[in-house]
């Protein structure tokens, strides 16, 4: 009986993971196609940035207005207004 238990224990292989300090963002070397990345001109990156910012300004202002309104309501409820 004890021999069978010993055999089962020997068959189990413990997997050991080593931490090499790399992060998930450090996975760029795992791509199969080794084509170099194309450089995007600064003007195109700036245009993209400002286009996205234009789309984000109005929702940001609405959010700030809502938070300000909630803050004023809470001040009024606490009697500090």
N, C-alpha and C. Protein backbone atom coordinates (compact mmCIF):
# COMPACT_ATOMS: atom_id res chain seq x y z
N UNK A 1 0.82 -1.20 0.00
CA UNK A 1 0.00 0.00 0.00
C UNK A 1 0.86 1.26 0.00
N UNK A 2 1.85 1.28 0.85
CA UNK A 2 2.66 2.48 0.95
C UNK A 2 3.49 2.71 -0.30
N UNK A 3 3.81 1.63 -1.02
CA UNK A 3 4.56 1.78 -2.27
C UNK A 3 3.72 2.49 -3.33
N UNK A 4 2.43 2.20 -3.38
CA UNK A 4 1.56 2.86 -4.35
C UNK A 4 1.45 4.34 -4.06
N UNK A 5 1.37 4.69 -2.80
CA UNK A 5 1.30 6.10 -2.41
C UNK A 5 2.58 6.82 -2.79
N UNK A 6 3.71 6.16 -2.60
CA UNK A 6 4.99 6.76 -2.94
C UNK A 6 5.10 7.00 -4.44
N UNK A 7 4.57 6.05 -5.24
CA UNK A 7 4.61 6.20 -6.68
C UNK A 7 3.78 7.40 -7.12
N UNK A 8 2.61 7.59 -6.51
CA UNK A 8 1.76 8.72 -6.87
C UNK A 8 2.43 10.03 -6.51
N UNK A 9 3.11 10.05 -5.39
CA UNK A 9 3.80 11.27 -4.98
C UNK A 9 4.95 11.59 -5.92
N UNK A 10 5.62 10.59 -6.41
CA UNK A 10 6.75 10.81 -7.31
C UNK A 10 6.29 11.29 -8.68
N UNK A 11 5.11 10.90 -9.11
CA UNK A 11 4.62 11.27 -10.42
C UNK A 11 4.21 12.73 -10.50
N UNK A 12 3.83 13.32 -9.38
CA UNK A 12 3.42 14.71 -9.39
C UNK A 12 4.62 15.60 -9.67
N UNK A 13 4.45 16.47 -10.65
CA UNK A 13 5.51 17.40 -10.99
C UNK A 13 5.07 18.79 -10.56
N UNK A 14 5.82 19.39 -9.71
CA UNK A 14 5.47 20.71 -9.21
C UNK A 14 6.01 21.76 -10.18
N UNK A 15 5.12 22.65 -10.61
CA UNK A 15 5.50 23.70 -11.54
C UNK A 15 6.00 24.89 -10.74
N UNK A 16 7.16 25.39 -11.10
CA UNK A 16 7.74 26.52 -10.40
C UNK A 16 7.83 27.69 -11.37
N UNK A 17 7.30 28.83 -10.97
CA UNK A 17 7.35 30.03 -11.79
C UNK A 17 8.39 30.98 -11.21
N UNK A 18 9.22 31.51 -12.05
CA UNK A 18 10.24 32.46 -11.63
C UNK A 18 9.84 33.86 -12.07
N UNK A 19 9.95 34.81 -11.17
CA UNK A 19 9.62 36.20 -11.48
C UNK A 19 10.89 36.88 -11.99
N UNK A 20 10.85 37.28 -13.26
CA UNK A 20 12.02 37.95 -13.83
C UNK A 20 11.88 39.46 -13.76
N UNK A 21 10.82 39.95 -13.12
CA UNK A 21 10.65 41.39 -12.97
C UNK A 21 10.02 42.07 -14.16
N UNK A 22 9.66 41.32 -15.19
CA UNK A 22 9.06 41.94 -16.36
C UNK A 22 7.57 42.19 -16.11
N UNK A 23 7.02 43.13 -16.86
CA UNK A 23 5.61 43.46 -16.72
C UNK A 23 4.85 42.99 -17.94
N UNK A 24 3.53 43.13 -17.90
CA UNK A 24 2.71 42.74 -19.04
C UNK A 24 3.04 43.62 -20.24
N UNK A 25 3.35 44.88 -19.98
CA UNK A 25 3.67 45.81 -21.06
C UNK A 25 5.00 45.46 -21.73
N UNK A 26 5.77 44.59 -21.10
CA UNK A 26 7.08 44.22 -21.62
C UNK A 26 6.98 43.01 -22.56
N UNK A 27 5.85 42.82 -23.19
CA UNK A 27 5.64 41.67 -24.04
C UNK A 27 5.87 41.99 -25.52
N UNK A 28 6.50 43.09 -25.83
CA UNK A 28 6.67 43.49 -27.22
C UNK A 28 7.58 42.56 -28.00
N UNK A 29 8.45 41.84 -27.34
CA UNK A 29 9.35 40.94 -28.05
C UNK A 29 8.71 39.63 -28.45
N UNK A 30 7.45 39.43 -28.12
CA UNK A 30 6.80 38.16 -28.41
C UNK A 30 6.07 38.15 -29.74
N UNK A 31 6.10 39.26 -30.46
CA UNK A 31 5.42 39.30 -31.76
C UNK A 31 6.12 38.39 -32.75
N UNK A 32 5.34 37.71 -33.56
CA UNK A 32 5.93 36.81 -34.55
C UNK A 32 6.43 37.56 -35.77
N UNK A 33 5.67 38.57 -36.18
CA UNK A 33 6.14 39.35 -37.33
C UNK A 33 7.06 40.45 -36.81
N UNK A 34 8.27 40.42 -37.24
CA UNK A 34 9.28 41.35 -36.73
C UNK A 34 9.40 42.59 -37.61
N UNK A 35 8.27 43.07 -38.13
CA UNK A 35 8.32 44.28 -38.93
C UNK A 35 8.51 45.49 -38.02
N UNK A 36 9.36 46.41 -38.40
CA UNK A 36 9.57 47.59 -37.55
C UNK A 36 8.34 48.48 -37.54
N UNK A 37 8.11 49.13 -36.41
CA UNK A 37 6.96 50.02 -36.29
C UNK A 37 7.22 51.30 -37.08
N UNK A 38 6.17 51.78 -37.72
CA UNK A 38 6.31 52.99 -38.51
C UNK A 38 6.26 54.21 -37.60
N UNK A 39 7.06 55.19 -37.91
CA UNK A 39 7.06 56.44 -37.16
C UNK A 39 5.89 57.29 -37.62
N UNK A 40 5.12 57.78 -36.66
CA UNK A 40 4.00 58.65 -36.97
C UNK A 40 4.48 60.09 -36.77
N UNK A 41 4.26 60.95 -37.76
CA UNK A 41 4.73 62.34 -37.63
C UNK A 41 4.06 63.05 -36.45
N UNK A 42 4.79 64.01 -35.88
CA UNK A 42 4.29 64.75 -34.73
C UNK A 42 2.99 65.47 -35.05
N UNK A 43 2.90 66.02 -36.23
CA UNK A 43 1.69 66.77 -36.61
C UNK A 43 0.45 65.86 -36.57
N UNK A 44 0.59 64.64 -37.06
CA UNK A 44 -0.53 63.71 -37.06
C UNK A 44 -0.90 63.30 -35.64
N UNK A 45 0.10 63.06 -34.79
CA UNK A 45 -0.18 62.73 -33.39
C UNK A 45 -0.85 63.88 -32.68
N UNK A 46 -0.41 65.11 -32.93
CA UNK A 46 -1.01 66.29 -32.30
C UNK A 46 -2.45 66.47 -32.78
N UNK A 47 -2.69 66.26 -34.05
CA UNK A 47 -4.04 66.39 -34.59
C UNK A 47 -4.98 65.37 -33.93
N UNK A 48 -4.50 64.14 -33.79
CA UNK A 48 -5.30 63.11 -33.13
C UNK A 48 -5.58 63.49 -31.69
N UNK A 49 -4.57 63.97 -30.99
CA UNK A 49 -4.72 64.35 -29.58
C UNK A 49 -5.79 65.44 -29.43
N UNK A 50 -5.71 66.50 -30.23
CA UNK A 50 -6.66 67.59 -30.10
C UNK A 50 -8.07 67.20 -30.55
N UNK A 51 -8.17 66.29 -31.51
CA UNK A 51 -9.49 65.80 -31.91
C UNK A 51 -10.15 65.05 -30.75
N UNK A 52 -9.38 64.22 -30.08
CA UNK A 52 -9.91 63.48 -28.93
C UNK A 52 -10.24 64.43 -27.79
N UNK A 53 -9.39 65.41 -27.56
CA UNK A 53 -9.64 66.38 -26.49
C UNK A 53 -10.91 67.17 -26.74
N UNK A 54 -11.18 67.53 -28.00
CA UNK A 54 -12.41 68.26 -28.31
C UNK A 54 -13.63 67.43 -27.96
N UNK A 55 -13.55 66.12 -28.21
CA UNK A 55 -14.67 65.25 -27.90
C UNK A 55 -14.82 65.04 -26.39
N UNK A 56 -13.77 65.23 -25.62
CA UNK A 56 -13.80 64.98 -24.19
C UNK A 56 -14.15 66.21 -23.36
N UNK A 57 -14.05 67.41 -23.92
CA UNK A 57 -14.24 68.63 -23.14
C UNK A 57 -15.68 68.75 -22.64
N UNK A 58 -16.65 68.57 -23.49
CA UNK A 58 -18.05 68.74 -23.08
C UNK A 58 -18.46 67.71 -22.02
N UNK A 59 -18.17 66.42 -22.18
CA UNK A 59 -18.50 65.49 -21.10
C UNK A 59 -17.78 65.81 -19.80
N UNK A 60 -16.54 66.29 -19.90
CA UNK A 60 -15.80 66.65 -18.70
C UNK A 60 -16.47 67.82 -17.98
N UNK A 61 -16.89 68.83 -18.74
CA UNK A 61 -17.57 69.98 -18.14
C UNK A 61 -18.90 69.58 -17.52
N UNK A 62 -19.64 68.69 -18.17
CA UNK A 62 -20.90 68.20 -17.61
C UNK A 62 -20.65 67.46 -16.30
N UNK A 63 -19.61 66.64 -16.26
CA UNK A 63 -19.28 65.90 -15.04
C UNK A 63 -18.90 66.86 -13.93
N UNK A 64 -18.07 67.85 -14.24
CA UNK A 64 -17.68 68.82 -13.21
C UNK A 64 -18.89 69.61 -12.71
N UNK A 65 -19.80 69.97 -13.60
CA UNK A 65 -21.00 70.69 -13.19
C UNK A 65 -21.87 69.83 -12.29
N UNK A 66 -22.01 68.55 -12.61
CA UNK A 66 -22.81 67.64 -11.78
C UNK A 66 -22.19 67.47 -10.40
N UNK A 67 -20.87 67.31 -10.35
CA UNK A 67 -20.19 67.18 -9.06
C UNK A 67 -20.31 68.45 -8.23
N UNK A 68 -20.22 69.60 -8.88
CA UNK A 68 -20.38 70.88 -8.17
C UNK A 68 -21.79 71.01 -7.62
N UNK A 69 -22.78 70.61 -8.41
CA UNK A 69 -24.17 70.67 -7.96
C UNK A 69 -24.40 69.75 -6.75
N UNK A 70 -23.86 68.55 -6.80
CA UNK A 70 -23.98 67.63 -5.67
C UNK A 70 -23.30 68.21 -4.44
N UNK A 71 -22.15 68.83 -4.61
CA UNK A 71 -21.42 69.44 -3.50
C UNK A 71 -22.24 70.57 -2.88
N UNK A 72 -22.85 71.39 -3.70
CA UNK A 72 -23.67 72.51 -3.18
C UNK A 72 -24.89 71.98 -2.44
N UNK A 73 -25.50 70.94 -2.98
CA UNK A 73 -26.66 70.33 -2.31
C UNK A 73 -26.26 69.77 -0.95
N UNK A 74 -25.10 69.12 -0.89
CA UNK A 74 -24.64 68.55 0.38
C UNK A 74 -24.30 69.66 1.38
N UNK A 75 -23.74 70.75 0.91
CA UNK A 75 -23.47 71.89 1.81
C UNK A 75 -24.78 72.47 2.35
N UNK A 76 -25.77 72.57 1.48
CA UNK A 76 -27.07 73.12 1.92
C UNK A 76 -27.71 72.18 2.92
N UNK A 77 -27.61 70.88 2.70
CA UNK A 77 -28.20 69.91 3.61
C UNK A 77 -27.50 69.93 4.98
N UNK A 78 -26.22 70.21 4.98
CA UNK A 78 -25.47 70.25 6.24
C UNK A 78 -25.65 71.60 6.95
N UNK A 79 -26.25 72.59 6.26
CA UNK A 79 -26.49 73.89 6.85
C UNK A 79 -25.27 74.79 6.84
N UNK A 80 -24.33 74.53 5.97
CA UNK A 80 -23.12 75.34 5.90
C UNK A 80 -23.12 76.28 4.72
N UNK A 81 -24.23 76.40 4.05
CA UNK A 81 -24.30 77.24 2.85
C UNK A 81 -24.91 78.58 3.18
